[in-house]
Amino acid sequence: MKTYDITLTISPNLPVWPGDPTIVVERIAKMEEGADCNVTTLRMGAHVGTHVDAPYHFLGGNTPTVDKLPLNQLTGRVYVVHLPDEIDLITRDVLREAEIPPRTRRLLIKTRNSQYWANQEPDFQTDFVAISPDGAEYLVERGIRLVGVDYLSVAPFHQGAPTHQVLLRAGMVVVEGLDLSQVSQGRYTLFCLPLKIAGSDGAPARAILIGV
């Protein structure tokens, strides 16, 4: 059994979505300065690094917040599909040709985005590969219950709402900001646990894959 940590490391060097708060990790008590222990404070947005979107993020109203997401969707068997580097947009046709195994309920999509993390690219990339609305509809039709992507949004830059709304209205769990650079295509067991933040539209998560 091998464990893959597919979580991005939270640090001030991690890119964030334009307009979101920058990441601040600061020690406010220091043993070298006479404190009894070291104490760190964090300041950041809920959608930083590897994180989970709740329906409330794009649907509002009485839709579930991140503390209400079912854990059985966030853990279990998962398939990682590796799309060719020349793919710029994950459409219905792209997903149909990807030969996702029947009865797949959790799907992680590896694209050229993963090289941004492998190269430790500090700047936000606007040309990341994302899922089109018709691609999202295809995932819903296939019965996918969780989808994860390897950049900070499941939807294209400047076109966030349609893809998110299709997925979240269907009750799908959306995981963004995965580092799949060291993971090959195939079947794994996923554990993805977002912080249990009351009333939040999303939360950072620790995500791992376990494979043979």
N, C-alpha and C. Protein backbone atom coordinates (compact mmCIF):
# COMPACT_ATOMS: atom_id res chain seq x y z
N MET A 1 0.84 -1.19 0.00
CA MET A 1 0.00 0.00 0.00
C MET A 1 0.88 1.25 0.00
N LYS A 2 0.53 2.22 -0.83
CA LYS A 2 1.28 3.46 -0.87
C LYS A 2 0.33 4.63 -0.65
N THR A 3 0.77 5.59 0.15
CA THR A 3 -0.04 6.77 0.45
C THR A 3 0.51 7.96 -0.31
N TYR A 4 -0.38 8.66 -1.01
CA TYR A 4 -0.02 9.87 -1.75
C TYR A 4 -0.69 11.07 -1.08
N ASP A 5 0.11 12.02 -0.67
CA ASP A 5 -0.44 13.26 -0.13
C ASP A 5 -0.70 14.19 -1.32
N ILE A 6 -1.97 14.44 -1.61
CA ILE A 6 -2.32 15.27 -2.77
C ILE A 6 -2.81 16.66 -2.33
N THR A 7 -2.35 17.04 -1.14
CA THR A 7 -2.72 18.33 -0.56
C THR A 7 -1.63 19.36 -0.82
N LEU A 8 -2.02 20.55 -1.21
CA LEU A 8 -1.07 21.64 -1.35
C LEU A 8 -0.68 22.15 0.04
N THR A 9 0.59 22.50 0.19
CA THR A 9 1.08 23.04 1.46
C THR A 9 0.68 24.50 1.58
N ILE A 10 -0.01 24.84 2.66
CA ILE A 10 -0.43 26.22 2.88
C ILE A 10 0.76 27.03 3.38
N SER A 11 1.09 28.06 2.62
CA SER A 11 2.18 28.97 2.99
C SER A 11 1.95 30.29 2.27
N PRO A 12 2.64 31.35 2.68
CA PRO A 12 2.49 32.63 1.98
C PRO A 12 2.89 32.58 0.51
N ASN A 13 3.61 31.53 0.11
CA ASN A 13 4.04 31.40 -1.28
C ASN A 13 3.01 30.72 -2.17
N LEU A 14 1.92 30.23 -1.60
CA LEU A 14 0.91 29.54 -2.38
C LEU A 14 0.02 30.56 -3.09
N PRO A 15 -0.17 30.43 -4.39
CA PRO A 15 -1.06 31.39 -5.08
C PRO A 15 -2.49 31.27 -4.59
N VAL A 16 -3.18 32.39 -4.59
CA VAL A 16 -4.60 32.41 -4.21
C VAL A 16 -5.40 33.02 -5.34
N TRP A 17 -6.69 32.78 -5.30
CA TRP A 17 -7.58 33.34 -6.32
C TRP A 17 -7.51 34.86 -6.28
N PRO A 18 -7.41 35.53 -7.44
CA PRO A 18 -7.33 37.00 -7.45
C PRO A 18 -8.48 37.64 -6.66
N GLY A 19 -8.12 38.52 -5.74
CA GLY A 19 -9.10 39.18 -4.90
C GLY A 19 -9.31 38.52 -3.55
N ASP A 20 -8.90 37.26 -3.41
CA ASP A 20 -9.00 36.58 -2.12
C ASP A 20 -7.90 37.08 -1.18
N PRO A 21 -8.09 36.91 0.12
CA PRO A 21 -7.04 37.34 1.06
C PRO A 21 -5.74 36.58 0.83
N THR A 22 -4.64 37.26 1.00
CA THR A 22 -3.36 36.57 0.95
C THR A 22 -3.20 35.71 2.21
N ILE A 23 -2.32 34.74 2.12
CA ILE A 23 -2.11 33.81 3.23
C ILE A 23 -1.06 34.40 4.19
N VAL A 24 -1.42 34.45 5.45
CA VAL A 24 -0.49 34.91 6.49
C VAL A 24 -0.37 33.80 7.52
N VAL A 25 0.84 33.31 7.73
CA VAL A 25 1.15 32.33 8.76
C VAL A 25 2.17 32.99 9.69
N GLU A 26 1.75 33.29 10.90
CA GLU A 26 2.59 34.10 11.78
C GLU A 26 2.65 33.51 13.18
N ARG A 27 3.86 33.38 13.70
CA ARG A 27 4.01 32.95 15.09
C ARG A 27 3.85 34.16 16.01
N ILE A 28 2.90 34.06 16.92
CA ILE A 28 2.64 35.17 17.84
C ILE A 28 3.22 34.92 19.23
N ALA A 29 3.70 33.71 19.47
CA ALA A 29 4.45 33.40 20.69
C ALA A 29 5.65 32.56 20.29
N LYS A 30 6.83 32.91 20.77
CA LYS A 30 8.07 32.28 20.33
C LYS A 30 8.89 31.86 21.53
N MET A 31 9.25 30.58 21.56
CA MET A 31 10.04 30.07 22.67
C MET A 31 11.41 30.73 22.74
N GLU A 32 11.97 31.06 21.57
CA GLU A 32 13.30 31.69 21.58
C GLU A 32 13.26 33.10 22.15
N GLU A 33 12.03 33.63 22.31
CA GLU A 33 11.88 34.95 22.92
C GLU A 33 11.32 34.86 24.34
N GLY A 34 11.32 33.63 24.90
CA GLY A 34 10.93 33.48 26.29
C GLY A 34 9.55 32.90 26.53
N ALA A 35 8.76 32.66 25.48
CA ALA A 35 7.42 32.09 25.65
C ALA A 35 7.53 30.62 26.07
N ASP A 36 6.49 30.13 26.75
CA ASP A 36 6.47 28.74 27.17
C ASP A 36 6.32 27.78 26.00
N CYS A 37 5.70 28.26 24.91
CA CYS A 37 5.49 27.41 23.74
C CYS A 37 5.39 28.29 22.51
N ASN A 38 5.46 27.68 21.35
CA ASN A 38 5.25 28.38 20.09
C ASN A 38 3.77 28.36 19.73
N VAL A 39 3.23 29.50 19.31
CA VAL A 39 1.83 29.60 18.92
C VAL A 39 1.76 30.33 17.58
N THR A 40 1.03 29.74 16.64
CA THR A 40 0.91 30.30 15.28
C THR A 40 -0.52 30.76 15.03
N THR A 41 -0.66 31.89 14.36
CA THR A 41 -1.97 32.36 13.92
C THR A 41 -2.04 32.30 12.40
N LEU A 42 -3.23 32.01 11.87
CA LEU A 42 -3.45 31.91 10.44
C LEU A 42 -4.48 32.93 10.01
N ARG A 43 -4.23 33.55 8.84
CA ARG A 43 -5.22 34.44 8.23
C ARG A 43 -5.29 34.09 6.74
N MET A 44 -6.46 33.65 6.31
CA MET A 44 -6.61 33.21 4.92
C MET A 44 -8.09 33.03 4.61
N GLY A 45 -8.40 32.87 3.32
CA GLY A 45 -9.77 32.62 2.91
C GLY A 45 -10.13 31.15 3.05
N ALA A 46 -11.41 30.86 2.93
CA ALA A 46 -11.89 29.48 3.05
C ALA A 46 -11.55 28.63 1.84
N HIS A 47 -11.25 29.27 0.70
CA HIS A 47 -11.01 28.54 -0.54
C HIS A 47 -9.53 28.59 -0.91
N VAL A 48 -8.70 28.35 0.07
CA VAL A 48 -7.26 28.42 -0.13
C VAL A 48 -6.71 27.01 -0.36
N GLY A 49 -5.72 26.91 -1.26
CA GLY A 49 -5.05 25.64 -1.50
C GLY A 49 -6.03 24.53 -1.84
N THR A 50 -5.78 23.34 -1.30
CA THR A 50 -6.68 22.21 -1.48
C THR A 50 -7.91 22.44 -0.61
N HIS A 51 -9.07 22.52 -1.24
CA HIS A 51 -10.28 22.88 -0.49
C HIS A 51 -11.52 22.26 -1.11
N VAL A 52 -12.59 22.28 -0.34
CA VAL A 52 -13.87 21.73 -0.77
C VAL A 52 -14.88 22.86 -0.88
N ASP A 53 -15.63 22.86 -1.97
CA ASP A 53 -16.73 23.81 -2.16
C ASP A 53 -18.04 23.18 -1.66
N ALA A 54 -18.78 23.93 -0.89
CA ALA A 54 -20.13 23.51 -0.50
C ALA A 54 -21.14 24.11 -1.46
N PRO A 55 -22.33 23.53 -1.59
CA PRO A 55 -23.37 24.11 -2.44
C PRO A 55 -23.65 25.58 -2.13
N TYR A 56 -23.54 25.96 -0.88
CA TYR A 56 -23.81 27.35 -0.48
C TYR A 56 -22.90 28.35 -1.19
N HIS A 57 -21.75 27.88 -1.66
CA HIS A 57 -20.77 28.75 -2.31
C HIS A 57 -21.36 29.45 -3.54
N PHE A 58 -22.10 28.69 -4.37
CA PHE A 58 -22.65 29.26 -5.60
C PHE A 58 -24.18 29.23 -5.67
N LEU A 59 -24.81 28.55 -4.73
CA LEU A 59 -26.27 28.44 -4.78
C LEU A 59 -26.95 29.27 -3.69
N GLY A 60 -26.28 29.48 -2.57
CA GLY A 60 -26.85 30.30 -1.50
C GLY A 60 -28.11 29.69 -0.91
N GLY A 61 -28.96 30.55 -0.34
CA GLY A 61 -30.22 30.10 0.22
C GLY A 61 -30.04 29.11 1.35
N ASN A 62 -30.84 28.06 1.31
CA ASN A 62 -30.79 27.04 2.36
C ASN A 62 -29.98 25.81 1.94
N THR A 63 -29.12 25.97 0.96
CA THR A 63 -28.31 24.84 0.51
C THR A 63 -27.23 24.52 1.55
N PRO A 64 -26.69 23.29 1.52
CA PRO A 64 -25.74 22.88 2.56
C PRO A 64 -24.46 23.70 2.58
N THR A 65 -23.99 23.97 3.79
CA THR A 65 -22.68 24.57 4.00
C THR A 65 -21.67 23.45 4.22
N VAL A 66 -20.40 23.80 4.32
CA VAL A 66 -19.36 22.78 4.30
C VAL A 66 -19.43 21.83 5.49
N ASP A 67 -19.92 22.31 6.62
CA ASP A 67 -20.03 21.46 7.80
C ASP A 67 -21.14 20.42 7.69
N LYS A 68 -21.97 20.54 6.66
CA LYS A 68 -23.08 19.61 6.46
C LYS A 68 -22.83 18.59 5.36
N LEU A 69 -21.66 18.62 4.73
CA LEU A 69 -21.39 17.70 3.63
C LEU A 69 -21.26 16.27 4.15
N PRO A 70 -21.80 15.30 3.42
CA PRO A 70 -21.74 13.90 3.86
C PRO A 70 -20.34 13.31 3.72
N LEU A 71 -19.82 12.76 4.80
CA LEU A 71 -18.47 12.21 4.77
C LEU A 71 -18.36 10.99 3.87
N ASN A 72 -19.47 10.30 3.64
CA ASN A 72 -19.37 9.12 2.78
C ASN A 72 -19.13 9.49 1.31
N GLN A 73 -19.40 10.74 0.94
CA GLN A 73 -19.03 11.18 -0.41
C GLN A 73 -17.57 11.57 -0.48
N LEU A 74 -17.01 11.99 0.63
CA LEU A 74 -15.65 12.50 0.67
C LEU A 74 -14.60 11.42 0.88
N THR A 75 -15.04 10.21 1.16
CA THR A 75 -14.11 9.10 1.39
C THR A 75 -14.60 7.88 0.62
N GLY A 76 -13.64 7.11 0.10
CA GLY A 76 -14.00 5.88 -0.59
C GLY A 76 -13.24 5.70 -1.89
N ARG A 77 -13.66 4.75 -2.68
CA ARG A 77 -12.99 4.43 -3.93
C ARG A 77 -13.09 5.59 -4.90
N VAL A 78 -11.99 5.83 -5.63
CA VAL A 78 -11.92 6.96 -6.55
C VAL A 78 -11.10 6.54 -7.77
N TYR A 79 -11.42 7.15 -8.90
CA TYR A 79 -10.63 6.92 -10.11
C TYR A 79 -9.94 8.21 -10.50
N VAL A 80 -8.63 8.13 -10.76
CA VAL A 80 -7.86 9.26 -11.26
C VAL A 80 -7.68 9.09 -12.76
N VAL A 81 -8.18 10.06 -13.54
CA VAL A 81 -8.01 10.03 -14.98
C VAL A 81 -7.01 11.10 -15.38
N HIS A 82 -6.07 10.74 -16.25
CA HIS A 82 -5.02 11.66 -16.71
C HIS A 82 -5.34 12.09 -18.14
N LEU A 83 -5.67 13.36 -18.31
CA LEU A 83 -6.00 13.88 -19.64
C LEU A 83 -4.73 14.37 -20.35
N PRO A 84 -4.69 14.29 -21.67
CA PRO A 84 -3.52 14.74 -22.43
C PRO A 84 -3.22 16.21 -22.18
N ASP A 85 -1.94 16.56 -22.28
CA ASP A 85 -1.51 17.93 -21.98
C ASP A 85 -2.09 18.95 -22.96
N GLU A 86 -2.48 18.53 -24.15
CA GLU A 86 -2.99 19.49 -25.12
C GLU A 86 -4.44 19.90 -24.83
N ILE A 87 -5.08 19.25 -23.87
CA ILE A 87 -6.46 19.60 -23.52
C ILE A 87 -6.48 20.93 -22.78
N ASP A 88 -7.26 21.89 -23.28
CA ASP A 88 -7.38 23.20 -22.64
C ASP A 88 -8.71 23.38 -21.90
N LEU A 89 -9.73 22.59 -22.27
CA LEU A 89 -11.04 22.69 -21.65
C LEU A 89 -11.64 21.29 -21.58
N ILE A 90 -12.15 20.93 -20.41
CA ILE A 90 -12.68 19.58 -20.20
C ILE A 90 -14.16 19.59 -20.56
N THR A 91 -14.45 19.21 -21.78
CA THR A 91 -15.82 19.22 -22.30
C THR A 91 -16.45 17.83 -22.20
N ARG A 92 -17.72 17.77 -22.56
CA ARG A 92 -18.42 16.49 -22.62
C ARG A 92 -17.66 15.50 -23.50
N ASP A 93 -17.22 15.94 -24.69
CA ASP A 93 -16.53 15.04 -25.61
C ASP A 93 -15.21 14.55 -25.03
N VAL A 94 -14.48 15.44 -24.36
CA VAL A 94 -13.21 15.04 -23.74
C VAL A 94 -13.44 13.96 -22.70
N LEU A 95 -14.44 14.15 -21.86
CA LEU A 95 -14.72 13.18 -20.80
C LEU A 95 -15.23 11.87 -21.38
N ARG A 96 -16.03 11.94 -22.42
CA ARG A 96 -16.54 10.72 -23.05
C ARG A 96 -15.37 9.90 -23.61
N GLU A 97 -14.40 10.56 -24.19
CA GLU A 97 -13.26 9.87 -24.78
C GLU A 97 -12.25 9.40 -23.74
N ALA A 98 -12.37 9.88 -22.51
CA ALA A 98 -11.41 9.53 -21.47
C ALA A 98 -11.59 8.12 -20.94
N GLU A 99 -12.67 7.46 -21.31
CA GLU A 99 -12.92 6.07 -20.92
C GLU A 99 -12.92 5.91 -19.40
N ILE A 100 -13.71 6.72 -18.74
CA ILE A 100 -13.88 6.60 -17.29
C ILE A 100 -14.61 5.29 -17.02
N PRO A 101 -14.11 4.48 -16.09
CA PRO A 101 -14.73 3.17 -15.86
C PRO A 101 -16.20 3.27 -15.45
N PRO A 102 -17.00 2.29 -15.84
CA PRO A 102 -18.40 2.26 -15.40
C PRO A 102 -18.49 2.23 -13.88
N ARG A 103 -19.57 2.78 -13.35
CA ARG A 103 -19.87 2.79 -11.92
C ARG A 103 -18.90 3.65 -11.11
N THR A 104 -18.08 4.46 -11.78
CA THR A 104 -17.23 5.41 -11.05
C THR A 104 -18.12 6.44 -10.36
N ARG A 105 -17.89 6.66 -9.08
CA ARG A 105 -18.68 7.63 -8.33
C ARG A 105 -17.84 8.80 -7.83
N ARG A 106 -16.53 8.59 -7.75
CA ARG A 106 -15.62 9.67 -7.38
C ARG A 106 -14.55 9.75 -8.45
N LEU A 107 -14.30 10.96 -8.95
CA LEU A 107 -13.38 11.14 -10.08
C LEU A 107 -12.45 12.31 -9.81
N LEU A 108 -11.15 12.07 -9.92
CA LEU A 108 -10.15 13.13 -9.87
C LEU A 108 -9.55 13.28 -11.27
N ILE A 109 -9.43 14.52 -11.73
CA ILE A 109 -8.99 14.77 -13.10
C ILE A 109 -7.61 15.43 -13.08
N LYS A 110 -6.63 14.70 -13.62
CA LYS A 110 -5.26 15.21 -13.71
C LYS A 110 -5.03 15.79 -15.09
N THR A 111 -4.52 17.02 -15.14
CA THR A 111 -4.25 17.71 -16.40
C THR A 111 -2.85 18.33 -16.35
N ARG A 112 -2.56 19.13 -17.35
CA ARG A 112 -1.28 19.85 -17.33
C ARG A 112 -1.17 20.81 -16.16
N ASN A 113 -2.31 21.12 -15.50
CA ASN A 113 -2.26 21.98 -14.32
C ASN A 113 -1.30 21.45 -13.26
N SER A 114 -1.20 20.13 -13.16
CA SER A 114 -0.39 19.55 -12.09
C SER A 114 1.06 19.97 -12.17
N GLN A 115 1.52 20.36 -13.36
CA GLN A 115 2.90 20.81 -13.48
C GLN A 115 3.13 22.15 -12.79
N TYR A 116 2.08 22.94 -12.64
CA TYR A 116 2.24 24.19 -11.88
C TYR A 116 2.68 23.89 -10.45
N TRP A 117 2.09 22.85 -9.86
CA TRP A 117 2.47 22.50 -8.49
C TRP A 117 3.83 21.82 -8.46
N ALA A 118 4.10 20.95 -9.43
CA ALA A 118 5.40 20.29 -9.47
C ALA A 118 6.53 21.30 -9.61
N ASN A 119 6.27 22.37 -10.37
CA ASN A 119 7.29 23.42 -10.58
C ASN A 119 7.25 24.50 -9.52
N GLN A 120 6.33 24.37 -8.55
CA GLN A 120 6.18 25.35 -7.47
C GLN A 120 6.00 26.77 -8.03
N GLU A 121 5.12 26.87 -9.03
CA GLU A 121 4.84 28.15 -9.67
C GLU A 121 4.10 29.06 -8.67
N PRO A 122 4.69 30.21 -8.30
CA PRO A 122 4.09 31.05 -7.25
C PRO A 122 2.98 31.97 -7.75
N ASP A 123 2.89 32.18 -9.06
CA ASP A 123 1.92 33.14 -9.60
C ASP A 123 0.63 32.43 -9.99
N PHE A 124 -0.49 33.11 -9.79
CA PHE A 124 -1.78 32.57 -10.21
C PHE A 124 -1.83 32.47 -11.73
N GLN A 125 -2.31 31.33 -12.22
CA GLN A 125 -2.39 31.07 -13.66
C GLN A 125 -3.84 31.22 -14.12
N THR A 126 -4.09 32.07 -15.09
CA THR A 126 -5.46 32.27 -15.56
C THR A 126 -5.86 31.30 -16.66
N ASP A 127 -4.88 30.62 -17.26
CA ASP A 127 -5.18 29.72 -18.38
C ASP A 127 -5.25 28.26 -17.95
N PHE A 128 -5.59 28.03 -16.68
CA PHE A 128 -5.66 26.67 -16.18
C PHE A 128 -6.76 25.88 -16.89
N VAL A 129 -6.59 24.56 -16.92
CA VAL A 129 -7.58 23.67 -17.52
C VAL A 129 -8.73 23.48 -16.53
N ALA A 130 -9.97 23.62 -17.00
CA ALA A 130 -11.15 23.51 -16.14
C ALA A 130 -12.27 22.80 -16.90
N ILE A 131 -13.37 22.59 -16.22
CA ILE A 131 -14.50 21.85 -16.78
C ILE A 131 -15.54 22.81 -17.34
N SER A 132 -15.96 22.57 -18.56
CA SER A 132 -17.01 23.38 -19.19
C SER A 132 -18.37 23.00 -18.61
N PRO A 133 -19.40 23.85 -18.78
CA PRO A 133 -20.74 23.48 -18.31
C PRO A 133 -21.26 22.17 -18.89
N ASP A 134 -21.00 21.92 -20.18
CA ASP A 134 -21.49 20.66 -20.75
C ASP A 134 -20.69 19.47 -20.23
N GLY A 135 -19.42 19.70 -19.89
CA GLY A 135 -18.65 18.65 -19.23
C GLY A 135 -19.20 18.34 -17.85
N ALA A 136 -19.62 19.40 -17.13
CA ALA A 136 -20.23 19.20 -15.82
C ALA A 136 -21.53 18.42 -15.95
N GLU A 137 -22.33 18.73 -16.96
CA GLU A 137 -23.58 18.00 -17.18
C GLU A 137 -23.31 16.52 -17.46
N TYR A 138 -22.26 16.23 -18.19
CA TYR A 138 -21.92 14.84 -18.47
C TYR A 138 -21.57 14.09 -17.18
N LEU A 139 -20.82 14.75 -16.29
CA LEU A 139 -20.47 14.11 -15.02
C LEU A 139 -21.72 13.81 -14.20
N VAL A 140 -22.66 14.73 -14.20
CA VAL A 140 -23.92 14.50 -13.49
C VAL A 140 -24.66 13.31 -14.09
N GLU A 141 -24.72 13.26 -15.41
CA GLU A 141 -25.40 12.15 -16.09
C GLU A 141 -24.74 10.81 -15.81
N ARG A 142 -23.42 10.83 -15.61
CA ARG A 142 -22.68 9.60 -15.31
C ARG A 142 -22.85 9.15 -13.86
N GLY A 143 -23.48 9.97 -13.04
CA GLY A 143 -23.67 9.60 -11.64
C GLY A 143 -22.48 9.85 -10.75
N ILE A 144 -21.56 10.71 -11.19
CA ILE A 144 -20.41 11.07 -10.36
C ILE A 144 -20.92 11.83 -9.14
N ARG A 145 -20.38 11.49 -7.94
CA ARG A 145 -20.81 12.14 -6.70
C ARG A 145 -19.74 13.04 -6.12
N LEU A 146 -18.51 12.91 -6.60
CA LEU A 146 -17.41 13.79 -6.18
C LEU A 146 -16.50 13.99 -7.37
N VAL A 147 -16.12 15.23 -7.64
CA VAL A 147 -15.14 15.51 -8.68
C VAL A 147 -14.05 16.40 -8.09
N GLY A 148 -12.82 16.08 -8.42
CA GLY A 148 -11.68 16.87 -7.96
C GLY A 148 -10.82 17.29 -9.12
N VAL A 149 -10.25 18.49 -9.03
CA VAL A 149 -9.42 19.04 -10.11
C VAL A 149 -8.09 19.53 -9.55
N ASP A 150 -7.13 19.70 -10.45
CA ASP A 150 -5.78 20.02 -10.03
C ASP A 150 -5.41 21.49 -10.19
N TYR A 151 -6.40 22.38 -10.14
CA TYR A 151 -6.11 23.80 -9.96
C TYR A 151 -7.16 24.39 -9.02
N LEU A 152 -7.17 25.69 -8.86
CA LEU A 152 -7.94 26.31 -7.79
C LEU A 152 -9.41 26.51 -8.10
N SER A 153 -9.86 26.09 -9.28
CA SER A 153 -11.28 26.15 -9.59
C SER A 153 -11.63 25.03 -10.55
N VAL A 154 -12.82 24.49 -10.37
CA VAL A 154 -13.35 23.48 -11.29
C VAL A 154 -13.84 24.12 -12.58
N ALA A 155 -14.05 25.44 -12.56
CA ALA A 155 -14.62 26.17 -13.69
C ALA A 155 -13.59 27.10 -14.30
N PRO A 156 -13.75 27.45 -15.57
CA PRO A 156 -12.80 28.34 -16.22
C PRO A 156 -12.75 29.72 -15.56
N PHE A 157 -11.61 30.37 -15.67
CA PHE A 157 -11.42 31.71 -15.13
C PHE A 157 -12.41 32.67 -15.79
N HIS A 158 -13.03 33.52 -14.98
CA HIS A 158 -14.04 34.50 -15.42
C HIS A 158 -15.36 33.85 -15.85
N GLN A 159 -15.49 32.52 -15.71
CA GLN A 159 -16.74 31.84 -16.07
C GLN A 159 -17.08 30.83 -14.98
N GLY A 160 -17.02 31.26 -13.73
CA GLY A 160 -17.10 30.34 -12.62
C GLY A 160 -18.48 29.78 -12.34
N ALA A 161 -19.52 30.60 -12.52
CA ALA A 161 -20.84 30.20 -12.03
C ALA A 161 -21.45 28.99 -12.75
N PRO A 162 -21.51 28.95 -14.09
CA PRO A 162 -22.27 27.87 -14.73
C PRO A 162 -21.80 26.46 -14.36
N THR A 163 -20.51 26.19 -14.43
CA THR A 163 -20.01 24.86 -14.10
C THR A 163 -20.28 24.51 -12.65
N HIS A 164 -19.97 25.43 -11.75
CA HIS A 164 -20.23 25.19 -10.33
C HIS A 164 -21.70 24.89 -10.07
N GLN A 165 -22.57 25.68 -10.68
CA GLN A 165 -24.01 25.52 -10.42
C GLN A 165 -24.51 24.16 -10.89
N VAL A 166 -24.05 23.71 -12.06
CA VAL A 166 -24.47 22.39 -12.55
C VAL A 166 -24.06 21.30 -11.56
N LEU A 167 -22.82 21.35 -11.10
CA LEU A 167 -22.31 20.31 -10.21
C LEU A 167 -22.97 20.37 -8.84
N LEU A 168 -23.04 21.56 -8.27
CA LEU A 168 -23.52 21.70 -6.90
C LEU A 168 -25.03 21.48 -6.80
N ARG A 169 -25.77 21.87 -7.82
CA ARG A 169 -27.22 21.60 -7.81
C ARG A 169 -27.50 20.10 -7.82
N ALA A 170 -26.60 19.34 -8.41
CA ALA A 170 -26.78 17.89 -8.47
C ALA A 170 -26.32 17.20 -7.19
N GLY A 171 -25.85 17.97 -6.21
CA GLY A 171 -25.40 17.39 -4.96
C GLY A 171 -23.99 16.83 -5.02
N MET A 172 -23.23 17.20 -6.04
CA MET A 172 -21.88 16.71 -6.18
C MET A 172 -20.94 17.47 -5.24
N VAL A 173 -19.98 16.77 -4.65
CA VAL A 173 -18.93 17.41 -3.87
C VAL A 173 -17.83 17.85 -4.83
N VAL A 174 -17.39 19.09 -4.69
CA VAL A 174 -16.36 19.65 -5.55
C VAL A 174 -15.08 19.87 -4.73
N VAL A 175 -13.99 19.26 -5.17
CA VAL A 175 -12.69 19.43 -4.52
C VAL A 175 -11.76 20.12 -5.50
N GLU A 176 -11.15 21.20 -5.05
CA GLU A 176 -10.28 22.00 -5.92
C GLU A 176 -8.89 22.13 -5.30
N GLY A 177 -7.91 22.40 -6.17
CA GLY A 177 -6.55 22.61 -5.69
C GLY A 177 -5.83 21.34 -5.28
N LEU A 178 -6.05 20.24 -5.99
CA LEU A 178 -5.35 19.00 -5.70
C LEU A 178 -3.99 18.97 -6.41
N ASP A 179 -3.01 18.41 -5.74
CA ASP A 179 -1.71 18.20 -6.37
C ASP A 179 -1.62 16.74 -6.81
N LEU A 180 -1.85 16.52 -8.09
CA LEU A 180 -1.84 15.16 -8.64
C LEU A 180 -0.56 14.89 -9.43
N SER A 181 0.46 15.71 -9.24
CA SER A 181 1.66 15.62 -10.07
C SER A 181 2.40 14.29 -9.90
N GLN A 182 2.25 13.63 -8.76
CA GLN A 182 2.97 12.38 -8.51
C GLN A 182 2.07 11.16 -8.61
N VAL A 183 0.86 11.34 -9.12
CA VAL A 183 -0.15 10.27 -9.13
C VAL A 183 -0.40 9.80 -10.56
N SER A 184 -0.42 8.51 -10.76
CA SER A 184 -0.70 7.93 -12.07
C SER A 184 -2.19 7.65 -12.21
N GLN A 185 -2.63 7.50 -13.44
CA GLN A 185 -4.03 7.14 -13.70
C GLN A 185 -4.33 5.79 -13.06
N GLY A 186 -5.52 5.67 -12.50
CA GLY A 186 -5.91 4.39 -11.92
C GLY A 186 -6.84 4.54 -10.74
N ARG A 187 -7.07 3.42 -10.06
CA ARG A 187 -8.00 3.36 -8.94
C ARG A 187 -7.26 3.53 -7.61
N TYR A 188 -7.86 4.26 -6.70
CA TYR A 188 -7.30 4.51 -5.38
C TYR A 188 -8.44 4.57 -4.36
N THR A 189 -8.05 4.72 -3.10
CA THR A 189 -9.01 5.07 -2.05
C THR A 189 -8.71 6.50 -1.63
N LEU A 190 -9.75 7.33 -1.60
CA LEU A 190 -9.62 8.75 -1.28
C LEU A 190 -10.10 9.03 0.14
N PHE A 191 -9.31 9.83 0.84
CA PHE A 191 -9.75 10.43 2.10
C PHE A 191 -9.57 11.94 1.97
N CYS A 192 -10.67 12.67 1.99
CA CYS A 192 -10.63 14.12 1.81
C CYS A 192 -11.55 14.74 2.86
N LEU A 193 -10.97 15.37 3.86
CA LEU A 193 -11.73 15.87 5.01
C LEU A 193 -11.55 17.38 5.16
N PRO A 194 -12.58 18.15 4.78
CA PRO A 194 -12.51 19.60 4.97
C PRO A 194 -12.69 19.96 6.44
N LEU A 195 -12.13 21.09 6.83
CA LEU A 195 -12.36 21.60 8.18
C LEU A 195 -13.85 21.81 8.40
N LYS A 196 -14.31 21.50 9.59
CA LYS A 196 -15.74 21.59 9.92
C LYS A 196 -16.04 23.00 10.44
N ILE A 197 -16.25 23.92 9.49
CA ILE A 197 -16.47 25.33 9.82
C ILE A 197 -17.95 25.64 9.68
N ALA A 198 -18.58 26.03 10.76
CA ALA A 198 -20.02 26.26 10.78
C ALA A 198 -20.41 27.35 9.79
N GLY A 199 -21.39 27.02 8.93
CA GLY A 199 -21.96 28.01 8.03
C GLY A 199 -21.08 28.47 6.89
N SER A 200 -19.96 27.80 6.64
CA SER A 200 -19.02 28.26 5.63
C SER A 200 -19.34 27.69 4.25
N ASP A 201 -19.04 28.48 3.21
CA ASP A 201 -19.25 28.06 1.83
C ASP A 201 -18.15 27.14 1.32
N GLY A 202 -17.10 26.94 2.11
CA GLY A 202 -16.02 26.06 1.73
C GLY A 202 -15.03 25.95 2.87
N ALA A 203 -14.03 25.09 2.69
CA ALA A 203 -13.01 24.93 3.74
C ALA A 203 -11.79 24.24 3.17
N PRO A 204 -10.60 24.60 3.68
CA PRO A 204 -9.40 23.83 3.33
C PRO A 204 -9.55 22.39 3.78
N ALA A 205 -8.88 21.48 3.06
CA ALA A 205 -8.99 20.05 3.35
C ALA A 205 -7.62 19.40 3.28
N ARG A 206 -7.47 18.30 3.99
CA ARG A 206 -6.33 17.41 3.82
C ARG A 206 -6.82 16.23 3.00
N ALA A 207 -6.16 15.98 1.89
CA ALA A 207 -6.58 14.92 0.98
C ALA A 207 -5.44 13.96 0.72
N ILE A 208 -5.73 12.66 0.82
CA ILE A 208 -4.73 11.65 0.50
C ILE A 208 -5.36 10.56 -0.36
N LEU A 209 -4.51 9.90 -1.12
CA LEU A 209 -4.91 8.72 -1.87
C LEU A 209 -4.12 7.53 -1.36
N ILE A 210 -4.75 6.39 -1.30
CA ILE A 210 -4.07 5.16 -0.95
C ILE A 210 -4.22 4.19 -2.12
N GLY A 211 -3.09 3.73 -2.62
CA GLY A 211 -3.09 2.82 -3.75
C GLY A 211 -2.22 1.62 -3.46
N VAL A 212 -2.35 0.61 -4.30
CA VAL A 212 -1.57 -0.61 -4.14
C VAL A 212 -0.16 -0.38 -4.63
